[in-house]
Amino acid sequence: MNLRSLQVDGGHMKIYRGRIEPCTREIVENLVKESFIEVATPEEVEEVRKDLESVLNEYMRMEREITEKAKDAVSKQGMDYSSISKIRRSMAKEKEFGLDDEGLDYIVQQMIEIMLSSVHVAEVFGQDHDMNRVIVPILRKHMAVDEELEREVRQKIKHLQDSEGGVNWEIEYNRVKADLERLKKLK
C-alpha cells in the first residue's frame, strides 16, 4: 500500500488506506443495524461498502489534486510556503469541496448521497442527521490513528536541534513517520 491518506479536521486527522475497508464496513453494519438503510443481500452489503469506499478514495484524490495545484501556484508565484493553506482553501471553495474542518461534513454528505442513489441500497429510512450521528463517530475513530502516530513521531524526534518546519526536521519527521506507518501496517 502507499502513503496516501485522507486528511480532515484542520489537517490533523487522517484515514489511512489500511483503515478504509474496516471503517466503511463498520459504517454499513451500523446503518443496517440501526435500520437507517435496508440492503437485500450480503453481496449488496459489500457493494454498499465499496460505494462508501469510493467516496473516501475520491475525497483523497481531490484533496491531493488541490494540494498539488496549490503547491504549484505558490512555487510559480514565488510565494512563501505558508501560503499553501490559504490557496488550498480558496481552490476548494471554488470547487465546493470540503477541506480541513469542513472535510468531515463533506465526506458524510457524500456518503449519504451515494447511498440515496445506490442500486445496492433497497431503502433509506434514516434522516440525514440520524445517519450523520452514526457515521461521524466511526470516521473519527478510524481517523484517530493518526493522532497517536503524530505523538509517537514527535516523541522520537524531539531531540533534533533543527526547529519544527526546518528542512532537517521535515526530513526526519517524514522518515520516522514512514517507518512507523510501515510497522503499524497503515500503508
N, C-alpha and C. Protein backbone atom coordinates (compact mmCIF):
# COMPACT_ATOMS: atom_id res chain seq x y z
N MET A 1 0.83 -1.20 0.00
CA MET A 1 0.00 0.00 0.00
C MET A 1 0.87 1.25 0.00
N ASN A 2 0.27 2.35 -0.37
CA ASN A 2 1.05 3.57 -0.45
C ASN A 2 0.76 4.48 0.73
N LEU A 3 1.41 5.63 0.72
CA LEU A 3 1.31 6.56 1.85
C LEU A 3 0.07 7.42 1.82
N ARG A 4 -0.71 7.34 0.77
CA ARG A 4 -1.85 8.24 0.66
C ARG A 4 -2.80 8.08 1.84
N SER A 5 -3.28 9.22 2.30
CA SER A 5 -4.20 9.21 3.42
C SER A 5 -5.16 10.37 3.29
N LEU A 6 -6.24 10.25 3.98
CA LEU A 6 -7.28 11.26 3.96
C LEU A 6 -7.07 12.19 5.14
N GLN A 7 -6.97 13.50 4.91
CA GLN A 7 -6.78 14.45 5.99
C GLN A 7 -8.08 15.21 6.23
N VAL A 8 -8.43 15.32 7.48
CA VAL A 8 -9.63 16.07 7.84
C VAL A 8 -9.38 16.76 9.18
N ASP A 9 -10.22 17.72 9.51
CA ASP A 9 -10.14 18.46 10.77
C ASP A 9 -8.83 19.24 10.89
N GLY A 10 -8.71 20.27 10.13
CA GLY A 10 -7.54 21.14 10.23
C GLY A 10 -6.25 20.44 9.85
N GLY A 11 -6.35 19.35 9.10
CA GLY A 11 -5.17 18.63 8.68
C GLY A 11 -4.63 17.71 9.76
N HIS A 12 -5.32 17.55 10.89
CA HIS A 12 -4.80 16.77 11.99
C HIS A 12 -5.24 15.31 11.99
N MET A 13 -6.31 15.00 11.34
CA MET A 13 -6.80 13.62 11.34
C MET A 13 -6.69 13.05 9.94
N LYS A 14 -6.31 11.79 9.86
CA LYS A 14 -6.19 11.13 8.57
C LYS A 14 -6.80 9.75 8.67
N ILE A 15 -7.21 9.26 7.54
CA ILE A 15 -7.57 7.85 7.46
C ILE A 15 -6.64 7.22 6.44
N TYR A 16 -5.97 6.20 6.88
CA TYR A 16 -5.03 5.52 6.01
C TYR A 16 -5.77 4.48 5.18
N ARG A 17 -5.21 4.17 4.03
CA ARG A 17 -5.81 3.17 3.14
C ARG A 17 -6.12 1.88 3.89
N GLY A 18 -5.23 1.49 4.78
CA GLY A 18 -5.43 0.26 5.54
C GLY A 18 -6.62 0.31 6.49
N ARG A 19 -7.13 1.50 6.77
CA ARG A 19 -8.28 1.67 7.67
C ARG A 19 -9.59 1.89 6.92
N ILE A 20 -9.54 2.11 5.60
CA ILE A 20 -10.75 2.42 4.84
C ILE A 20 -11.73 1.25 4.85
N GLU A 21 -11.26 0.06 4.54
CA GLU A 21 -12.16 -1.11 4.48
C GLU A 21 -12.84 -1.37 5.83
N PRO A 22 -12.08 -1.45 6.94
CA PRO A 22 -12.78 -1.67 8.23
C PRO A 22 -13.72 -0.52 8.60
N CYS A 23 -13.36 0.69 8.24
CA CYS A 23 -14.19 1.86 8.54
C CYS A 23 -15.51 1.78 7.79
N THR A 24 -15.44 1.55 6.48
CA THR A 24 -16.67 1.51 5.68
C THR A 24 -17.53 0.30 6.04
N ARG A 25 -16.89 -0.80 6.39
CA ARG A 25 -17.63 -1.99 6.82
C ARG A 25 -18.42 -1.68 8.10
N GLU A 26 -17.77 -1.01 9.04
CA GLU A 26 -18.43 -0.66 10.30
C GLU A 26 -19.57 0.32 10.08
N ILE A 27 -19.38 1.27 9.18
CA ILE A 27 -20.44 2.23 8.89
C ILE A 27 -21.67 1.51 8.35
N VAL A 28 -21.48 0.65 7.35
CA VAL A 28 -22.62 -0.05 6.74
C VAL A 28 -23.30 -0.95 7.77
N GLU A 29 -22.50 -1.70 8.54
CA GLU A 29 -23.08 -2.59 9.55
C GLU A 29 -23.94 -1.82 10.55
N ASN A 30 -23.44 -0.66 10.98
CA ASN A 30 -24.19 0.13 11.95
C ASN A 30 -25.43 0.79 11.35
N LEU A 31 -25.35 1.23 10.12
CA LEU A 31 -26.53 1.82 9.47
C LEU A 31 -27.62 0.76 9.27
N VAL A 32 -27.21 -0.45 8.93
CA VAL A 32 -28.18 -1.55 8.79
C VAL A 32 -28.75 -1.92 10.16
N LYS A 33 -27.89 -2.05 11.15
CA LYS A 33 -28.33 -2.42 12.50
C LYS A 33 -29.32 -1.40 13.07
N GLU A 34 -29.07 -0.12 12.80
CA GLU A 34 -29.96 0.95 13.28
C GLU A 34 -31.21 1.09 12.41
N SER A 35 -31.31 0.27 11.36
CA SER A 35 -32.43 0.31 10.41
C SER A 35 -32.52 1.64 9.67
N PHE A 36 -31.38 2.29 9.44
CA PHE A 36 -31.35 3.52 8.67
C PHE A 36 -31.27 3.23 7.18
N ILE A 37 -30.69 2.06 6.83
CA ILE A 37 -30.70 1.61 5.45
C ILE A 37 -31.09 0.14 5.42
N GLU A 38 -31.68 -0.25 4.29
CA GLU A 38 -32.04 -1.65 4.09
C GLU A 38 -31.28 -2.14 2.86
N VAL A 39 -30.59 -3.28 3.07
CA VAL A 39 -29.82 -3.89 1.99
C VAL A 39 -30.29 -5.33 1.87
N ALA A 40 -30.59 -5.76 0.64
CA ALA A 40 -31.25 -7.05 0.42
C ALA A 40 -30.39 -8.27 0.70
N THR A 41 -29.13 -8.26 0.28
CA THR A 41 -28.30 -9.46 0.39
C THR A 41 -26.92 -9.13 0.96
N PRO A 42 -26.20 -10.13 1.46
CA PRO A 42 -24.82 -9.89 1.92
C PRO A 42 -23.92 -9.35 0.80
N GLU A 43 -24.16 -9.78 -0.42
CA GLU A 43 -23.38 -9.27 -1.55
C GLU A 43 -23.62 -7.78 -1.74
N GLU A 44 -24.86 -7.38 -1.55
CA GLU A 44 -25.20 -5.96 -1.70
C GLU A 44 -24.59 -5.14 -0.56
N VAL A 45 -24.49 -5.73 0.62
CA VAL A 45 -23.84 -5.05 1.74
C VAL A 45 -22.41 -4.71 1.34
N GLU A 46 -21.72 -5.66 0.73
CA GLU A 46 -20.34 -5.44 0.29
C GLU A 46 -20.29 -4.36 -0.79
N GLU A 47 -21.27 -4.33 -1.66
CA GLU A 47 -21.30 -3.31 -2.71
C GLU A 47 -21.54 -1.92 -2.12
N VAL A 48 -22.40 -1.83 -1.10
CA VAL A 48 -22.62 -0.54 -0.43
C VAL A 48 -21.33 -0.09 0.24
N ARG A 49 -20.62 -1.04 0.87
CA ARG A 49 -19.34 -0.72 1.49
C ARG A 49 -18.38 -0.17 0.44
N LYS A 50 -18.36 -0.79 -0.73
CA LYS A 50 -17.49 -0.31 -1.81
C LYS A 50 -17.92 1.08 -2.29
N ASP A 51 -19.23 1.33 -2.30
CA ASP A 51 -19.71 2.67 -2.65
C ASP A 51 -19.13 3.71 -1.68
N LEU A 52 -19.18 3.40 -0.38
CA LEU A 52 -18.66 4.34 0.62
C LEU A 52 -17.14 4.47 0.50
N GLU A 53 -16.50 3.37 0.19
CA GLU A 53 -15.04 3.39 -0.02
C GLU A 53 -14.72 4.32 -1.19
N SER A 54 -15.54 4.28 -2.23
CA SER A 54 -15.29 5.15 -3.39
C SER A 54 -15.38 6.63 -3.00
N VAL A 55 -16.25 6.95 -2.04
CA VAL A 55 -16.34 8.34 -1.56
C VAL A 55 -15.02 8.74 -0.91
N LEU A 56 -14.49 7.89 -0.06
CA LEU A 56 -13.23 8.21 0.62
C LEU A 56 -12.07 8.29 -0.38
N ASN A 57 -12.03 7.37 -1.33
CA ASN A 57 -10.96 7.38 -2.33
C ASN A 57 -11.03 8.64 -3.20
N GLU A 58 -12.24 9.02 -3.60
CA GLU A 58 -12.40 10.23 -4.41
C GLU A 58 -12.04 11.47 -3.60
N TYR A 59 -12.39 11.47 -2.32
CA TYR A 59 -12.02 12.60 -1.47
C TYR A 59 -10.49 12.73 -1.42
N MET A 60 -9.83 11.61 -1.22
CA MET A 60 -8.37 11.62 -1.16
C MET A 60 -7.77 12.12 -2.47
N ARG A 61 -8.32 11.69 -3.59
CA ARG A 61 -7.82 12.11 -4.89
C ARG A 61 -7.98 13.62 -5.06
N MET A 62 -9.16 14.13 -4.74
CA MET A 62 -9.43 15.56 -4.89
C MET A 62 -8.56 16.39 -3.93
N GLU A 63 -8.43 15.93 -2.71
CA GLU A 63 -7.61 16.65 -1.73
C GLU A 63 -6.17 16.72 -2.20
N ARG A 64 -5.66 15.61 -2.71
CA ARG A 64 -4.29 15.55 -3.22
C ARG A 64 -4.12 16.48 -4.43
N GLU A 65 -5.11 16.46 -5.33
CA GLU A 65 -5.06 17.31 -6.52
C GLU A 65 -5.05 18.79 -6.14
N ILE A 66 -5.91 19.18 -5.23
CA ILE A 66 -5.97 20.58 -4.78
C ILE A 66 -4.67 20.98 -4.10
N THR A 67 -4.13 20.10 -3.28
CA THR A 67 -2.87 20.39 -2.59
C THR A 67 -1.73 20.58 -3.59
N GLU A 68 -1.65 19.69 -4.57
CA GLU A 68 -0.59 19.80 -5.59
C GLU A 68 -0.74 21.08 -6.40
N LYS A 69 -1.97 21.43 -6.78
CA LYS A 69 -2.19 22.67 -7.53
C LYS A 69 -1.82 23.89 -6.69
N ALA A 70 -2.12 23.84 -5.40
CA ALA A 70 -1.76 24.96 -4.50
C ALA A 70 -0.25 25.08 -4.39
N LYS A 71 0.44 23.95 -4.27
CA LYS A 71 1.91 23.98 -4.20
C LYS A 71 2.49 24.54 -5.48
N ASP A 72 1.94 24.13 -6.62
CA ASP A 72 2.41 24.64 -7.91
C ASP A 72 2.21 26.15 -8.01
N ALA A 73 1.04 26.62 -7.58
CA ALA A 73 0.74 28.05 -7.63
C ALA A 73 1.70 28.84 -6.75
N VAL A 74 1.97 28.33 -5.56
CA VAL A 74 2.90 29.01 -4.65
C VAL A 74 4.29 29.07 -5.27
N SER A 75 4.70 27.96 -5.86
CA SER A 75 6.02 27.89 -6.49
C SER A 75 6.13 28.85 -7.68
N LYS A 76 5.13 28.83 -8.55
CA LYS A 76 5.15 29.66 -9.75
C LYS A 76 5.12 31.15 -9.42
N GLN A 77 4.39 31.49 -8.34
CA GLN A 77 4.25 32.91 -7.98
C GLN A 77 5.33 33.36 -7.01
N GLY A 78 6.24 32.43 -6.63
CA GLY A 78 7.33 32.78 -5.72
C GLY A 78 6.86 33.18 -4.34
N MET A 79 5.74 32.62 -3.93
CA MET A 79 5.16 32.96 -2.62
C MET A 79 5.82 32.13 -1.52
N ASP A 80 5.60 32.54 -0.30
CA ASP A 80 6.09 31.81 0.86
C ASP A 80 5.31 30.49 0.99
N TYR A 81 6.00 29.45 1.43
CA TYR A 81 5.40 28.12 1.59
C TYR A 81 4.15 28.15 2.48
N SER A 82 4.12 29.05 3.43
CA SER A 82 2.99 29.14 4.35
C SER A 82 1.70 29.57 3.65
N SER A 83 1.79 30.04 2.41
CA SER A 83 0.61 30.46 1.65
C SER A 83 -0.18 29.29 1.10
N ILE A 84 0.38 28.09 1.12
CA ILE A 84 -0.28 26.92 0.53
C ILE A 84 -1.65 26.69 1.14
N SER A 85 -1.75 26.78 2.44
CA SER A 85 -3.02 26.52 3.13
C SER A 85 -4.12 27.47 2.64
N LYS A 86 -3.79 28.75 2.53
CA LYS A 86 -4.76 29.75 2.09
C LYS A 86 -5.20 29.47 0.65
N ILE A 87 -4.26 29.13 -0.20
CA ILE A 87 -4.58 28.86 -1.61
C ILE A 87 -5.40 27.57 -1.73
N ARG A 88 -5.06 26.55 -0.93
CA ARG A 88 -5.83 25.30 -0.92
C ARG A 88 -7.29 25.59 -0.59
N ARG A 89 -7.51 26.37 0.47
CA ARG A 89 -8.87 26.69 0.89
C ARG A 89 -9.62 27.43 -0.21
N SER A 90 -8.93 28.35 -0.87
CA SER A 90 -9.56 29.12 -1.96
C SER A 90 -9.94 28.19 -3.12
N MET A 91 -9.03 27.30 -3.49
CA MET A 91 -9.32 26.35 -4.59
C MET A 91 -10.46 25.40 -4.21
N ALA A 92 -10.46 24.94 -2.98
CA ALA A 92 -11.52 24.04 -2.52
C ALA A 92 -12.87 24.74 -2.54
N LYS A 93 -12.88 25.99 -2.12
CA LYS A 93 -14.13 26.76 -2.11
C LYS A 93 -14.67 26.91 -3.52
N GLU A 94 -13.80 27.17 -4.49
CA GLU A 94 -14.22 27.28 -5.89
C GLU A 94 -14.89 26.00 -6.38
N LYS A 95 -14.38 24.85 -5.93
CA LYS A 95 -14.91 23.56 -6.36
C LYS A 95 -16.02 23.04 -5.45
N GLU A 96 -16.38 23.86 -4.43
CA GLU A 96 -17.37 23.45 -3.43
C GLU A 96 -16.98 22.11 -2.80
N PHE A 97 -15.72 22.05 -2.43
CA PHE A 97 -15.12 20.85 -1.87
C PHE A 97 -14.75 21.14 -0.42
N GLY A 98 -15.15 20.28 0.50
CA GLY A 98 -14.87 20.49 1.92
C GLY A 98 -13.46 20.07 2.29
N LEU A 99 -12.69 21.00 2.77
CA LEU A 99 -11.34 20.72 3.25
C LEU A 99 -11.26 21.02 4.73
N ASP A 100 -10.27 20.43 5.36
CA ASP A 100 -9.95 20.71 6.74
C ASP A 100 -11.19 20.53 7.63
N ASP A 101 -11.62 21.57 8.33
CA ASP A 101 -12.74 21.44 9.27
C ASP A 101 -14.04 21.04 8.58
N GLU A 102 -14.23 21.48 7.33
CA GLU A 102 -15.44 21.14 6.60
C GLU A 102 -15.35 19.75 5.94
N GLY A 103 -14.19 19.14 5.96
CA GLY A 103 -13.96 17.88 5.28
C GLY A 103 -14.83 16.74 5.78
N LEU A 104 -14.95 16.61 7.08
CA LEU A 104 -15.74 15.52 7.65
C LEU A 104 -17.21 15.65 7.25
N ASP A 105 -17.76 16.85 7.36
CA ASP A 105 -19.15 17.07 6.95
C ASP A 105 -19.33 16.78 5.46
N TYR A 106 -18.37 17.20 4.66
CA TYR A 106 -18.42 16.96 3.22
C TYR A 106 -18.45 15.46 2.92
N ILE A 107 -17.58 14.71 3.57
CA ILE A 107 -17.49 13.26 3.35
C ILE A 107 -18.80 12.58 3.74
N VAL A 108 -19.33 12.94 4.90
CA VAL A 108 -20.58 12.33 5.37
C VAL A 108 -21.71 12.63 4.39
N GLN A 109 -21.79 13.86 3.92
CA GLN A 109 -22.84 14.23 2.97
C GLN A 109 -22.69 13.44 1.68
N GLN A 110 -21.46 13.26 1.21
CA GLN A 110 -21.22 12.47 0.00
C GLN A 110 -21.62 11.01 0.21
N MET A 111 -21.34 10.47 1.40
CA MET A 111 -21.72 9.09 1.70
C MET A 111 -23.24 8.92 1.70
N ILE A 112 -23.93 9.87 2.31
CA ILE A 112 -25.39 9.82 2.35
C ILE A 112 -25.96 9.90 0.92
N GLU A 113 -25.42 10.81 0.13
CA GLU A 113 -25.90 10.96 -1.25
C GLU A 113 -25.67 9.70 -2.07
N ILE A 114 -24.52 9.06 -1.90
CA ILE A 114 -24.26 7.85 -2.68
C ILE A 114 -25.20 6.72 -2.25
N MET A 115 -25.54 6.66 -0.96
CA MET A 115 -26.48 5.63 -0.51
C MET A 115 -27.89 5.89 -1.05
N LEU A 116 -28.26 7.16 -1.15
CA LEU A 116 -29.57 7.51 -1.68
C LEU A 116 -29.71 7.14 -3.15
N SER A 117 -28.59 7.15 -3.88
CA SER A 117 -28.66 6.85 -5.31
C SER A 117 -28.15 5.45 -5.67
N SER A 118 -27.65 4.72 -4.70
CA SER A 118 -27.08 3.40 -4.98
C SER A 118 -28.16 2.36 -5.30
N VAL A 119 -27.91 1.58 -6.34
CA VAL A 119 -28.82 0.48 -6.68
C VAL A 119 -28.69 -0.66 -5.66
N HIS A 120 -27.66 -0.61 -4.84
CA HIS A 120 -27.41 -1.67 -3.85
C HIS A 120 -28.13 -1.41 -2.52
N VAL A 121 -28.66 -0.22 -2.34
CA VAL A 121 -29.42 0.11 -1.13
C VAL A 121 -30.90 0.02 -1.50
N ALA A 122 -31.59 -0.94 -0.87
CA ALA A 122 -33.01 -1.15 -1.18
C ALA A 122 -33.84 0.04 -0.73
N GLU A 123 -33.52 0.56 0.46
CA GLU A 123 -34.31 1.67 1.02
C GLU A 123 -33.46 2.43 2.02
N VAL A 124 -33.64 3.75 2.07
CA VAL A 124 -33.00 4.59 3.08
C VAL A 124 -34.12 5.10 3.98
N PHE A 125 -34.07 4.71 5.24
CA PHE A 125 -35.09 5.12 6.21
C PHE A 125 -34.60 6.24 7.11
N GLY A 126 -33.28 6.34 7.29
CA GLY A 126 -32.72 7.32 8.22
C GLY A 126 -32.71 8.72 7.66
N GLN A 127 -32.94 9.68 8.53
CA GLN A 127 -32.79 11.08 8.18
C GLN A 127 -31.30 11.40 8.16
N ASP A 128 -30.93 12.44 7.41
CA ASP A 128 -29.52 12.80 7.30
C ASP A 128 -28.86 12.94 8.68
N HIS A 129 -29.52 13.66 9.59
CA HIS A 129 -28.91 13.90 10.91
C HIS A 129 -28.75 12.60 11.70
N ASP A 130 -29.67 11.64 11.53
CA ASP A 130 -29.53 10.35 12.21
C ASP A 130 -28.36 9.55 11.63
N MET A 131 -28.25 9.56 10.31
CA MET A 131 -27.15 8.83 9.67
C MET A 131 -25.82 9.50 10.00
N ASN A 132 -25.82 10.81 10.05
CA ASN A 132 -24.62 11.56 10.43
C ASN A 132 -24.17 11.14 11.83
N ARG A 133 -25.12 10.98 12.74
CA ARG A 133 -24.84 10.59 14.12
C ARG A 133 -24.15 9.21 14.19
N VAL A 134 -24.43 8.35 13.23
CA VAL A 134 -23.81 7.02 13.17
C VAL A 134 -22.45 7.10 12.48
N ILE A 135 -22.38 7.82 11.38
CA ILE A 135 -21.19 7.82 10.53
C ILE A 135 -20.02 8.59 11.15
N VAL A 136 -20.28 9.79 11.68
CA VAL A 136 -19.19 10.65 12.17
C VAL A 136 -18.32 9.98 13.24
N PRO A 137 -18.90 9.38 14.29
CA PRO A 137 -18.03 8.76 15.30
C PRO A 137 -17.17 7.63 14.74
N ILE A 138 -17.70 6.90 13.78
CA ILE A 138 -16.93 5.80 13.18
C ILE A 138 -15.76 6.38 12.38
N LEU A 139 -16.02 7.40 11.58
CA LEU A 139 -14.94 8.04 10.84
C LEU A 139 -13.89 8.61 11.80
N ARG A 140 -14.34 9.30 12.84
CA ARG A 140 -13.41 9.88 13.80
C ARG A 140 -12.55 8.79 14.46
N LYS A 141 -13.17 7.68 14.82
CA LYS A 141 -12.43 6.59 15.47
C LYS A 141 -11.33 6.06 14.55
N HIS A 142 -11.66 5.85 13.29
CA HIS A 142 -10.67 5.31 12.36
C HIS A 142 -9.62 6.35 11.96
N MET A 143 -9.98 7.61 12.07
CA MET A 143 -9.03 8.67 11.76
C MET A 143 -8.13 9.00 12.94
N ALA A 144 -8.54 8.65 14.14
CA ALA A 144 -7.76 8.97 15.34
C ALA A 144 -6.42 8.25 15.38
N VAL A 145 -6.25 7.25 14.57
CA VAL A 145 -4.97 6.53 14.50
C VAL A 145 -3.85 7.52 14.23
N ASP A 146 -4.11 8.54 13.42
CA ASP A 146 -3.07 9.49 13.07
C ASP A 146 -2.63 10.34 14.25
N GLU A 147 -3.54 10.68 15.15
CA GLU A 147 -3.17 11.48 16.31
C GLU A 147 -2.14 10.75 17.16
N GLU A 148 -2.36 9.47 17.35
CA GLU A 148 -1.41 8.65 18.12
C GLU A 148 -0.07 8.57 17.38
N LEU A 149 -0.14 8.36 16.08
CA LEU A 149 1.08 8.29 15.26
C LEU A 149 1.85 9.60 15.34
N GLU A 150 1.15 10.71 15.26
CA GLU A 150 1.76 12.04 15.34
C GLU A 150 2.51 12.21 16.67
N ARG A 151 1.89 11.80 17.77
CA ARG A 151 2.55 11.90 19.09
C ARG A 151 3.82 11.04 19.11
N GLU A 152 3.74 9.82 18.58
CA GLU A 152 4.90 8.94 18.56
C GLU A 152 6.04 9.53 17.75
N VAL A 153 5.72 10.06 16.58
CA VAL A 153 6.76 10.64 15.72
C VAL A 153 7.43 11.80 16.44
N ARG A 154 6.63 12.70 16.99
CA ARG A 154 7.18 13.88 17.68
C ARG A 154 8.03 13.47 18.89
N GLN A 155 7.61 12.43 19.59
CA GLN A 155 8.38 11.93 20.72
C GLN A 155 9.75 11.43 20.26
N LYS A 156 9.79 10.74 19.14
CA LYS A 156 11.03 10.17 18.63
C LYS A 156 11.99 11.22 18.07
N ILE A 157 11.47 12.36 17.62
CA ILE A 157 12.36 13.36 17.02
C ILE A 157 12.51 14.61 17.89
N LYS A 158 12.07 14.56 19.12
CA LYS A 158 12.13 15.75 19.98
C LYS A 158 13.56 16.19 20.26
N HIS A 159 14.52 15.30 20.07
CA HIS A 159 15.93 15.61 20.33
C HIS A 159 16.58 16.47 19.24
N LEU A 160 15.91 16.62 18.11
CA LEU A 160 16.51 17.36 16.99
C LEU A 160 16.77 18.81 17.36
N GLN A 161 17.91 19.31 16.92
CA GLN A 161 18.27 20.71 17.14
C GLN A 161 17.49 21.63 16.19
N ASP A 162 17.24 21.12 15.00
CA ASP A 162 16.51 21.89 13.99
C ASP A 162 15.09 22.13 14.47
N SER A 163 14.59 23.32 14.33
CA SER A 163 13.23 23.62 14.80
C SER A 163 12.19 23.06 13.83
N GLU A 164 10.99 22.88 14.34
CA GLU A 164 9.89 22.38 13.52
C GLU A 164 9.71 23.27 12.31
N GLY A 165 9.56 22.62 11.16
CA GLY A 165 9.42 23.35 9.91
C GLY A 165 10.73 23.51 9.18
N GLY A 166 11.85 23.28 9.89
CA GLY A 166 13.16 23.34 9.23
C GLY A 166 13.34 22.13 8.32
N VAL A 167 14.26 22.24 7.39
CA VAL A 167 14.47 21.19 6.41
C VAL A 167 14.84 19.86 7.08
N ASN A 168 15.80 19.87 7.99
CA ASN A 168 16.22 18.63 8.65
C ASN A 168 15.09 18.03 9.49
N TRP A 169 14.33 18.89 10.14
CA TRP A 169 13.21 18.42 10.96
C TRP A 169 12.18 17.73 10.05
N GLU A 170 11.85 18.36 8.93
CA GLU A 170 10.87 17.79 7.99
C GLU A 170 11.34 16.44 7.45
N ILE A 171 12.61 16.36 7.08
CA ILE A 171 13.16 15.11 6.55
C ILE A 171 13.07 14.00 7.59
N GLU A 172 13.51 14.30 8.80
CA GLU A 172 13.49 13.28 9.86
C GLU A 172 12.06 12.91 10.25
N TYR A 173 11.18 13.91 10.31
CA TYR A 173 9.77 13.67 10.62
C TYR A 173 9.17 12.70 9.61
N ASN A 174 9.37 12.96 8.32
CA ASN A 174 8.81 12.10 7.27
C ASN A 174 9.41 10.70 7.31
N ARG A 175 10.71 10.59 7.61
CA ARG A 175 11.36 9.28 7.67
C ARG A 175 10.80 8.46 8.83
N VAL A 176 10.73 9.06 10.01
CA VAL A 176 10.23 8.36 11.20
C VAL A 176 8.76 8.00 11.02
N LYS A 177 7.99 8.90 10.46
CA LYS A 177 6.56 8.63 10.24
C LYS A 177 6.38 7.46 9.27
N ALA A 178 7.12 7.45 8.18
CA ALA A 178 7.03 6.36 7.21
C ALA A 178 7.40 5.02 7.86
N ASP A 179 8.43 5.04 8.70
CA ASP A 179 8.83 3.81 9.40
C ASP A 179 7.72 3.31 10.32
N LEU A 180 7.11 4.20 11.07
CA LEU A 180 6.03 3.82 11.98
C LEU A 180 4.79 3.35 11.22
N GLU A 181 4.47 4.01 10.11
CA GLU A 181 3.33 3.59 9.29
C GLU A 181 3.54 2.17 8.78
N ARG A 182 4.76 1.89 8.37
CA ARG A 182 5.08 0.55 7.86
C ARG A 182 4.96 -0.47 9.00
N LEU A 183 5.51 -0.15 10.16
CA LEU A 183 5.44 -1.06 11.32
C LEU A 183 3.99 -1.34 11.75
N LYS A 184 3.15 -0.31 11.69
CA LYS A 184 1.76 -0.44 12.12
C LYS A 184 0.83 -0.90 10.99
N LYS A 185 1.41 -1.19 9.82
CA LYS A 185 0.65 -1.65 8.65
C LYS A 185 -0.46 -0.68 8.26
N LEU A 186 -0.14 0.60 8.27
CA LEU A 186 -1.11 1.63 7.91
C LEU A 186 -1.07 1.98 6.43
N LYS A 187 0.03 1.62 5.79
CA LYS A 187 0.18 1.96 4.36
C LYS A 187 -0.55 0.97 3.50
